[in-house]
Amino acid sequence: MPPVPDLDKRDIPGRGRIPSHVGIIMDGNGRWARRQNLPRTQGHQEGLKTAKRIVKAASDMGISYLTLYVFSTENWKRAAEEVAFIMGLVKTYLRGELDFFRENRIRIRHAGDPEGLPPEIAREIREVSEDTRDFPGLSVILALNYGGRDEIVRAVRHLVREGGAITEEALGRCLDNPDVPDPDLIIRTAGEFRISNFLLWESAYTEYSISDKLWPDWTDGDLKKAIGDFQGRERKFGGIKA
């Protein structure tokens, strides 16, 4: 396998730029725990540590937006104990990492329906988003109680209430984060080849990268490898380059 190129914000000859927006479907926490003969909750705990590690790496690489698929609209079907544990982790992370966000000038944002979240979690997200809104570094978008279909339905309802013509541009302005560019790259860990209702509207021309490694095993080297592969691709967006 060829070596991963050095990464910076400049063009690399024959390659593209560092992606502006990366999305990650963080899969494999439960399988990691099972392989270690640990409860699933421990897998989520390790997955949280990995998320912090990858957020720091993305910030250092000059990525502008990182969307992490934390909890989907379908994940409510899981056991109540597991759901409660994940929500507790989210709350602990938002409260406990404010110094980390400040030190690295990281802005926290949310994608998903806040009305479907426990009130205390929705409140924590609002407060941390407000506390970090002026930070100029990496924007970390937590997709929590998020589903791509749900986002589109909510956007359509919003647009209908506003009135006017239904166009791509008008609908795009009603999405959860309309000012955020579409993802250049979406990574899925644990070897799964599914998009799982993640950023359906925004990913029309996104490049995908599938990693066999389980999410808790991921390092900044894996992120560099995925971005190095992305930089070697030719993106045509439906057109043909001369």
C-alpha atoms as a PDB file:
ATOM      1  CA  MET A   1       0.000   0.000   0.000  1.00  0.00           C
ATOM      2  CA  PRO A   2       1.430   3.441  -0.907  1.00  0.00           C
ATOM      3  CA  PRO A   3       2.358   5.742   1.968  1.00  0.00           C
ATOM      4  CA  VAL A   4      -0.177   8.273   3.157  1.00  0.00           C
ATOM      5  CA  PRO A   5       0.807  11.732   1.867  1.00  0.00           C
ATOM      6  CA  ASP A   6       1.664  14.553   4.226  1.00  0.00           C
ATOM      7  CA  LEU A   7      -1.510  16.530   4.814  1.00  0.00           C
ATOM      8  CA  ASP A   8      -1.911  20.256   5.004  1.00  0.00           C
ATOM      9  CA  LYS A   9      -4.279  22.936   3.750  1.00  0.00           C
ATOM     10  CA  ARG A  10      -2.413  23.392   0.465  1.00  0.00           C
ATOM     11  CA  ASP A  11      -2.941  21.560  -2.804  1.00  0.00           C
ATOM     12  CA  ILE A  12      -0.812  18.458  -3.177  1.00  0.00           C
ATOM     13  CA  PRO A  13       0.313  17.872  -6.796  1.00  0.00           C
ATOM     14  CA  GLY A  14      -2.073  15.451  -8.439  1.00  0.00           C
ATOM     15  CA  ARG A  15      -4.370  15.529  -5.450  1.00  0.00           C
ATOM     16  CA  GLY A  16      -7.164  17.654  -4.061  1.00  0.00           C
ATOM     17  CA  ARG A  17      -7.415  19.804  -0.992  1.00  0.00           C
ATOM     18  CA  ILE A  18      -8.127  18.748   2.543  1.00  0.00           C
ATOM     19  CA  PRO A  19     -11.897  18.122   2.617  1.00  0.00           C
ATOM     20  CA  SER A  20     -13.855  20.994   4.103  1.00  0.00           C
ATOM     21  CA  HIS A  21     -16.559  18.769   5.610  1.00  0.00           C
ATOM     22  CA  VAL A  22     -16.156  15.178   6.784  1.00  0.00           C
ATOM     23  CA  GLY A  23     -18.946  13.023   8.188  1.00  0.00           C
ATOM     24  CA  ILE A  24     -18.308   9.873  10.197  1.00  0.00           C
ATOM     25  CA  ILE A  25     -20.704   7.009  10.874  1.00  0.00           C
ATOM     26  CA  MET A  26     -19.078   5.718  14.057  1.00  0.00           C
ATOM     27  CA  ASP A  27     -19.884   2.006  13.944  1.00  0.00           C
ATOM     28  CA  GLY A  28     -18.640  -0.982  15.889  1.00  0.00           C
ATOM     29  CA  ASN A  29     -18.771  -0.008  19.571  1.00  0.00           C
ATOM     30  CA  GLY A  30     -20.888  -3.013  20.484  1.00  0.00           C
ATOM     31  CA  ARG A  31     -18.771  -5.459  18.489  1.00  0.00           C
ATOM     32  CA  TRP A  32     -15.616  -4.050  20.049  1.00  0.00           C
ATOM     33  CA  ALA A  33     -17.024  -4.644  23.519  1.00  0.00           C
ATOM     34  CA  ARG A  34     -18.138  -8.166  22.646  1.00  0.00           C
ATOM     35  CA  ARG A  35     -14.666  -9.057  21.374  1.00  0.00           C
ATOM     36  CA  GLN A  36     -13.212  -7.809  24.650  1.00  0.00           C
ATOM     37  CA  ASN A  37     -15.834  -9.727  26.685  1.00  0.00           C
ATOM     38  CA  LEU A  38     -17.101  -6.411  28.007  1.00  0.00           C
ATOM     39  CA  PRO A  39     -20.625  -4.989  28.247  1.00  0.00           C
ATOM     40  CA  ARG A  40     -21.845  -2.912  25.297  1.00  0.00           C
ATOM     41  CA  THR A  41     -21.782   0.179  27.484  1.00  0.00           C
ATOM     42  CA  GLN A  42     -17.998  -0.084  27.723  1.00  0.00           C
ATOM     43  CA  GLY A  43     -17.832  -0.057  23.938  1.00  0.00           C
ATOM     44  CA  HIS A  44     -19.706   3.246  23.879  1.00  0.00           C
ATOM     45  CA  GLN A  45     -17.357   4.593  26.545  1.00  0.00           C
ATOM     46  CA  GLU A  46     -14.339   3.723  24.409  1.00  0.00           C
ATOM     47  CA  GLY A  47     -16.084   5.124  21.355  1.00  0.00           C
ATOM     48  CA  LEU A  48     -16.407   8.464  23.131  1.00  0.00           C
ATOM     49  CA  LYS A  49     -12.655   8.505  23.788  1.00  0.00           C
ATOM     50  CA  THR A  50     -12.075   7.831  20.098  1.00  0.00           C
ATOM     51  CA  ALA A  51     -14.412  10.665  19.127  1.00  0.00           C
ATOM     52  CA  LYS A  52     -12.352  13.141  21.152  1.00  0.00           C
ATOM     53  CA  ARG A  53      -9.152  11.799  19.581  1.00  0.00           C
ATOM     54  CA  ILE A  54     -10.519  12.189  16.051  1.00  0.00           C
ATOM     55  CA  VAL A  55     -11.974  15.648  16.758  1.00  0.00           C
ATOM     56  CA  LYS A  56      -8.498  16.826  17.806  1.00  0.00           C
ATOM     57  CA  ALA A  57      -6.916  15.250  14.728  1.00  0.00           C
ATOM     58  CA  ALA A  58      -9.497  16.826  12.407  1.00  0.00           C
ATOM     59  CA  SER A  59      -8.887  20.197  14.017  1.00  0.00           C
ATOM     60  CA  ASP A  60      -5.130  19.855  13.586  1.00  0.00           C
ATOM     61  CA  MET A  61      -5.533  18.873   9.914  1.00  0.00           C
ATOM     62  CA  GLY A  62      -7.514  21.986   9.076  1.00  0.00           C
ATOM     63  CA  ILE A  63     -10.872  20.352   8.435  1.00  0.00           C
ATOM     64  CA  SER A  64     -13.613  22.955   8.827  1.00  0.00           C
ATOM     65  CA  TYR A  65     -16.645  20.784   9.636  1.00  0.00           C
ATOM     66  CA  LEU A  66     -16.896  17.335  11.204  1.00  0.00           C
ATOM     67  CA  THR A  67     -20.312  15.694  11.538  1.00  0.00           C
ATOM     68  CA  LEU A  68     -20.412  12.754  13.947  1.00  0.00           C
ATOM     69  CA  TYR A  69     -23.375  10.370  13.750  1.00  0.00           C
ATOM     70  CA  VAL A  70     -23.989   9.998  17.469  1.00  0.00           C
ATOM     71  CA  PHE A  71     -27.553   8.715  17.739  1.00  0.00           C
ATOM     72  CA  SER A  72     -30.094   8.159  14.978  1.00  0.00           C
ATOM     73  CA  THR A  73     -33.879   8.424  14.995  1.00  0.00           C
ATOM     74  CA  GLU A  74     -33.875   4.621  14.719  1.00  0.00           C
ATOM     75  CA  ASN A  75     -31.569   4.059  17.700  1.00  0.00           C
ATOM     76  CA  TRP A  76     -34.468   4.614  20.112  1.00  0.00           C
ATOM     77  CA  LYS A  77     -35.399   1.001  19.323  1.00  0.00           C
ATOM     78  CA  ARG A  78     -32.420  -0.215  21.357  1.00  0.00           C
ATOM     79  CA  ALA A  79     -32.687  -1.414  24.949  1.00  0.00           C
ATOM     80  CA  ALA A  80     -33.722   1.358  27.330  1.00  0.00           C
ATOM     81  CA  GLU A  81     -30.603   0.818  29.460  1.00  0.00           C
ATOM     82  CA  GLU A  82     -28.290   1.293  26.483  1.00  0.00           C
ATOM     83  CA  VAL A  83     -30.157   4.399  25.304  1.00  0.00           C
ATOM     84  CA  ALA A  84     -29.960   5.924  28.784  1.00  0.00           C
ATOM     85  CA  PHE A  85     -26.236   5.182  28.969  1.00  0.00           C
ATOM     86  CA  ILE A  86     -25.564   6.849  25.593  1.00  0.00           C
ATOM     87  CA  MET A  87     -27.550   9.935  26.603  1.00  0.00           C
ATOM     88  CA  GLY A  88     -25.593  10.079  29.836  1.00  0.00           C
ATOM     89  CA  LEU A  89     -22.335   9.929  27.887  1.00  0.00           C
ATOM     90  CA  VAL A  90     -23.461  12.785  25.664  1.00  0.00           C
ATOM     91  CA  LYS A  91     -24.352  14.890  28.681  1.00  0.00           C
ATOM     92  CA  THR A  92     -21.025  14.139  30.370  1.00  0.00           C
ATOM     93  CA  TYR A  93     -19.093  14.925  27.176  1.00  0.00           C
ATOM     94  CA  LEU A  94     -20.804  18.263  26.612  1.00  0.00           C
ATOM     95  CA  ARG A  95     -20.296  19.345  30.209  1.00  0.00           C
ATOM     96  CA  GLY A  96     -16.829  17.944  30.711  1.00  0.00           C
ATOM     97  CA  GLU A  97     -15.082  19.032  27.533  1.00  0.00           C
ATOM     98  CA  LEU A  98     -15.737  22.785  27.530  1.00  0.00           C
ATOM     99  CA  ASP A  99     -12.083  23.469  28.329  1.00  0.00           C
ATOM    100  CA  PHE A 100     -11.067  21.221  25.423  1.00  0.00           C
ATOM    101  CA  PHE A 101     -13.420  23.111  23.097  1.00  0.00           C
ATOM    102  CA  ARG A 102     -12.089  26.464  24.282  1.00  0.00           C
ATOM    103  CA  GLU A 103      -8.451  25.436  24.021  1.00  0.00           C
ATOM    104  CA  ASN A 104      -8.881  24.234  20.441  1.00  0.00           C
ATOM    105  CA  ARG A 105     -11.430  26.927  19.475  1.00  0.00           C
ATOM    106  CA  ILE A 106     -13.938  24.223  18.519  1.00  0.00           C
ATOM    107  CA  ARG A 107     -17.544  25.129  17.868  1.00  0.00           C
ATOM    108  CA  ILE A 108     -20.284  22.633  18.771  1.00  0.00           C
ATOM    109  CA  ARG A 109     -23.423  22.430  16.639  1.00  0.00           C
ATOM    110  CA  HIS A 110     -26.386  20.068  16.446  1.00  0.00           C
ATOM    111  CA  ALA A 111     -28.170  18.216  13.664  1.00  0.00           C
ATOM    112  CA  GLY A 112     -31.442  16.445  14.393  1.00  0.00           C
ATOM    113  CA  ASP A 113     -34.768  17.095  16.047  1.00  0.00           C
ATOM    114  CA  PRO A 114     -34.190  18.602  19.508  1.00  0.00           C
ATOM    115  CA  GLU A 115     -37.837  18.126  20.433  1.00  0.00           C
ATOM    116  CA  GLY A 116     -37.347  14.365  20.503  1.00  0.00           C
ATOM    117  CA  LEU A 117     -34.457  14.521  22.965  1.00  0.00           C
ATOM    118  CA  PRO A 118     -34.684  14.350  26.764  1.00  0.00           C
ATOM    119  CA  PRO A 119     -35.086  17.956  27.939  1.00  0.00           C
ATOM    120  CA  GLU A 120     -31.815  18.005  29.872  1.00  0.00           C
ATOM    121  CA  ILE A 121     -29.865  16.797  26.820  1.00  0.00           C
ATOM    122  CA  ALA A 122     -31.510  19.364  24.549  1.00  0.00           C
ATOM    123  CA  ARG A 123     -30.662  22.053  27.102  1.00  0.00           C
ATOM    124  CA  GLU A 124     -27.020  20.978  27.314  1.00  0.00           C
ATOM    125  CA  ILE A 125     -26.696  21.108  23.527  1.00  0.00           C
ATOM    126  CA  ARG A 126     -28.230  24.581  23.382  1.00  0.00           C
ATOM    127  CA  GLU A 127     -25.937  25.890  26.111  1.00  0.00           C
ATOM    128  CA  VAL A 128     -22.724  24.430  24.713  1.00  0.00           C
ATOM    129  CA  SER A 129     -23.653  25.561  21.202  1.00  0.00           C
ATOM    130  CA  GLU A 130     -24.179  29.075  22.525  1.00  0.00           C
ATOM    131  CA  ASP A 131     -20.968  29.034  24.582  1.00  0.00           C
ATOM    132  CA  THR A 132     -18.874  28.003  21.554  1.00  0.00           C
ATOM    133  CA  ARG A 133     -20.717  29.744  18.711  1.00  0.00           C
ATOM    134  CA  ASP A 134     -17.989  32.370  18.141  1.00  0.00           C
ATOM    135  CA  PHE A 135     -15.061  29.930  18.102  1.00  0.00           C
ATOM    136  CA  PRO A 136     -13.396  30.116  14.667  1.00  0.00           C
ATOM    137  CA  GLY A 137     -11.918  26.612  14.524  1.00  0.00           C
ATOM    138  CA  LEU A 138     -13.409  23.261  13.615  1.00  0.00           C
ATOM    139  CA  SER A 139     -17.201  23.009  13.831  1.00  0.00           C
ATOM    140  CA  VAL A 140     -18.213  19.664  15.315  1.00  0.00           C
ATOM    141  CA  ILE A 141     -21.802  18.845  14.380  1.00  0.00           C
ATOM    142  CA  LEU A 142     -23.361  16.242  16.664  1.00  0.00           C
ATOM    143  CA  ALA A 143     -26.020  14.315  14.752  1.00  0.00           C
ATOM    144  CA  LEU A 144     -28.197  13.382  17.715  1.00  0.00           C
ATOM    145  CA  ASN A 145     -31.757  12.137  17.291  1.00  0.00           C
ATOM    146  CA  TYR A 146     -30.926  12.596  13.640  1.00  0.00           C
ATOM    147  CA  GLY A 147     -32.298  10.894  10.538  1.00  0.00           C
ATOM    148  CA  GLY A 148     -31.840  12.050   6.975  1.00  0.00           C
ATOM    149  CA  ARG A 149     -35.479  11.372   6.076  1.00  0.00           C
ATOM    150  CA  ASP A 150     -36.664  13.124   9.227  1.00  0.00           C
ATOM    151  CA  GLU A 151     -34.520  16.167   8.400  1.00  0.00           C
ATOM    152  CA  ILE A 152     -36.035  16.384   4.907  1.00  0.00           C
ATOM    153  CA  VAL A 153     -39.589  16.019   6.242  1.00  0.00           C
ATOM    154  CA  ARG A 154     -38.997  18.737   8.836  1.00  0.00           C
ATOM    155  CA  ALA A 155     -37.500  20.985   6.148  1.00  0.00           C
ATOM    156  CA  VAL A 156     -40.491  20.470   3.854  1.00  0.00           C
ATOM    157  CA  ARG A 157     -42.906  21.272   6.678  1.00  0.00           C
ATOM    158  CA  HIS A 158     -40.968  24.443   7.441  1.00  0.00           C
ATOM    159  CA  LEU A 159     -40.984  25.456   3.792  1.00  0.00           C
ATOM    160  CA  VAL A 160     -44.719  24.833   3.464  1.00  0.00           C
ATOM    161  CA  ARG A 161     -45.380  27.023   6.498  1.00  0.00           C
ATOM    162  CA  GLU A 162     -43.321  29.787   4.893  1.00  0.00           C
ATOM    163  CA  GLY A 163     -45.101  29.476   1.560  1.00  0.00           C
ATOM    164  CA  GLY A 164     -43.503  30.104  -1.811  1.00  0.00           C
ATOM    165  CA  ALA A 165     -42.108  27.792  -4.445  1.00  0.00           C
ATOM    166  CA  ILE A 166     -40.550  24.492  -3.470  1.00  0.00           C
ATOM    167  CA  THR A 167     -37.073  24.429  -5.002  1.00  0.00           C
ATOM    168  CA  GLU A 168     -33.788  22.762  -4.126  1.00  0.00           C
ATOM    169  CA  GLU A 169     -32.395  26.078  -2.932  1.00  0.00           C
ATOM    170  CA  ALA A 170     -35.447  26.883  -0.811  1.00  0.00           C
ATOM    171  CA  LEU A 171     -35.513  23.430   0.756  1.00  0.00           C
ATOM    172  CA  GLY A 172     -31.778  23.569   1.407  1.00  0.00           C
ATOM    173  CA  ARG A 173     -32.272  26.742   3.434  1.00  0.00           C
ATOM    174  CA  CYS A 174     -34.623  24.826   5.753  1.00  0.00           C
ATOM    175  CA  LEU A 175     -32.216  22.025   6.636  1.00  0.00           C
ATOM    176  CA  ASP A 176     -30.700  21.736  10.103  1.00  0.00           C
ATOM    177  CA  ASN A 177     -27.441  23.505   9.209  1.00  0.00           C
ATOM    178  CA  PRO A 178     -28.072  25.360   5.939  1.00  0.00           C
ATOM    179  CA  ASP A 179     -24.813  27.322   6.109  1.00  0.00           C
ATOM    180  CA  VAL A 180     -22.663  24.181   6.314  1.00  0.00           C
ATOM    181  CA  PRO A 181     -21.317  22.907   2.964  1.00  0.00           C
ATOM    182  CA  ASP A 182     -22.246  19.412   1.817  1.00  0.00           C
ATOM    183  CA  PRO A 183     -19.862  16.731   3.078  1.00  0.00           C
ATOM    184  CA  ASP A 184     -16.912  16.046   0.804  1.00  0.00           C
ATOM    185  CA  LEU A 185     -16.221  12.727   2.484  1.00  0.00           C
ATOM    186  CA  ILE A 186     -18.251  10.348   4.626  1.00  0.00           C
ATOM    187  CA  ILE A 187     -16.407   7.624   6.507  1.00  0.00           C
ATOM    188  CA  ARG A 188     -18.034   4.522   7.912  1.00  0.00           C
ATOM    189  CA  THR A 189     -16.184   2.236  10.281  1.00  0.00           C
ATOM    190  CA  ALA A 190     -16.618  -1.474  11.097  1.00  0.00           C
ATOM    191  CA  GLY A 191     -16.762  -2.541   7.452  1.00  0.00           C
ATOM    192  CA  GLU A 192     -20.438  -1.796   6.880  1.00  0.00           C
ATOM    193  CA  PHE A 193     -21.584  -0.615   3.433  1.00  0.00           C
ATOM    194  CA  ARG A 194     -24.712   1.305   4.412  1.00  0.00           C
ATOM    195  CA  ILE A 195     -25.501   5.002   4.741  1.00  0.00           C
ATOM    196  CA  SER A 196     -28.043   4.342   7.527  1.00  0.00           C
ATOM    197  CA  ASN A 197     -30.173   7.428   6.935  1.00  0.00           C
ATOM    198  CA  PHE A 198     -27.198   9.798   7.351  1.00  0.00           C
ATOM    199  CA  LEU A 199     -27.166  13.177   5.567  1.00  0.00           C
ATOM    200  CA  LEU A 200     -29.322  11.884   2.710  1.00  0.00           C
ATOM    201  CA  TRP A 201     -29.937  15.291   1.117  1.00  0.00           C
ATOM    202  CA  GLU A 202     -26.441  16.628   1.660  1.00  0.00           C
ATOM    203  CA  SER A 203     -24.526  13.566   0.415  1.00  0.00           C
ATOM    204  CA  ALA A 204     -25.691  13.560  -3.220  1.00  0.00           C
ATOM    205  CA  TYR A 205     -22.095  13.850  -4.475  1.00  0.00           C
ATOM    206  CA  THR A 206     -20.155  12.860  -1.391  1.00  0.00           C
ATOM    207  CA  GLU A 207     -17.202  10.497  -1.602  1.00  0.00           C
ATOM    208  CA  TYR A 208     -17.362   7.461   0.703  1.00  0.00           C
ATOM    209  CA  SER A 209     -14.666   5.632   2.607  1.00  0.00           C
ATOM    210  CA  ILE A 210     -15.253   2.291   4.362  1.00  0.00           C
ATOM    211  CA  SER A 211     -12.909   1.190   7.121  1.00  0.00           C
ATOM    212  CA  ASP A 212     -12.846  -2.375   8.431  1.00  0.00           C
ATOM    213  CA  LYS A 213     -11.617  -1.176  11.834  1.00  0.00           C
ATOM    214  CA  LEU A 214     -14.113  -0.856  14.647  1.00  0.00           C
ATOM    215  CA  TRP A 215     -14.663   2.709  15.840  1.00  0.00           C
ATOM    216  CA  PRO A 216     -12.967   2.343  19.273  1.00  0.00           C
ATOM    217  CA  ASP A 217      -9.793   1.170  17.491  1.00  0.00           C
ATOM    218  CA  TRP A 218      -9.576   4.236  15.266  1.00  0.00           C
ATOM    219  CA  THR A 219      -6.612   6.631  15.446  1.00  0.00           C
ATOM    220  CA  ASP A 220      -5.599   9.854  13.749  1.00  0.00           C
ATOM    221  CA  GLY A 221      -3.614   7.677  11.332  1.00  0.00           C
ATOM    222  CA  ASP A 222      -6.856   6.125  10.100  1.00  0.00           C
ATOM    223  CA  LEU A 223      -8.305   9.573   9.479  1.00  0.00           C
ATOM    224  CA  LYS A 224      -5.172  10.584   7.559  1.00  0.00           C
ATOM    225  CA  LYS A 225      -5.403   7.409   5.495  1.00  0.00           C
ATOM    226  CA  ALA A 226      -9.044   8.073   4.559  1.00  0.00           C
ATOM    227  CA  ILE A 227      -8.258  11.672   3.620  1.00  0.00           C
ATOM    228  CA  GLY A 228      -5.202  10.610   1.619  1.00  0.00           C
ATOM    229  CA  ASP A 229      -7.409   8.237  -0.384  1.00  0.00           C
ATOM    230  CA  PHE A 230      -9.989  10.993  -0.871  1.00  0.00           C
ATOM    231  CA  GLN A 231      -7.310  13.350  -2.197  1.00  0.00           C
ATOM    232  CA  GLY A 232      -6.445  10.868  -4.914  1.00  0.00           C
ATOM    233  CA  ARG A 233      -9.978  10.771  -6.305  1.00  0.00           C
ATOM    234  CA  GLU A 234     -11.270  12.837  -9.216  1.00  0.00           C
ATOM    235  CA  ARG A 235     -14.596  14.466  -8.388  1.00  0.00           C
ATOM    236  CA  LYS A 236     -16.735  15.291 -11.421  1.00  0.00           C
ATOM    237  CA  PHE A 237     -20.093  16.129  -9.812  1.00  0.00           C
ATOM    238  CA  GLY A 238     -21.950  14.606 -12.759  1.00  0.00           C
ATOM    239  CA  GLY A 239     -19.842  16.389 -15.368  1.00  0.00           C
ATOM    240  CA  ILE A 240     -16.848  15.416 -17.488  1.00  0.00           C
ATOM    241  CA  LYS A 241     -13.519  17.137 -17.159  1.00  0.00           C
ATOM    242  CA  ALA A 242     -11.605  18.005 -20.300  1.00  0.00           C
END
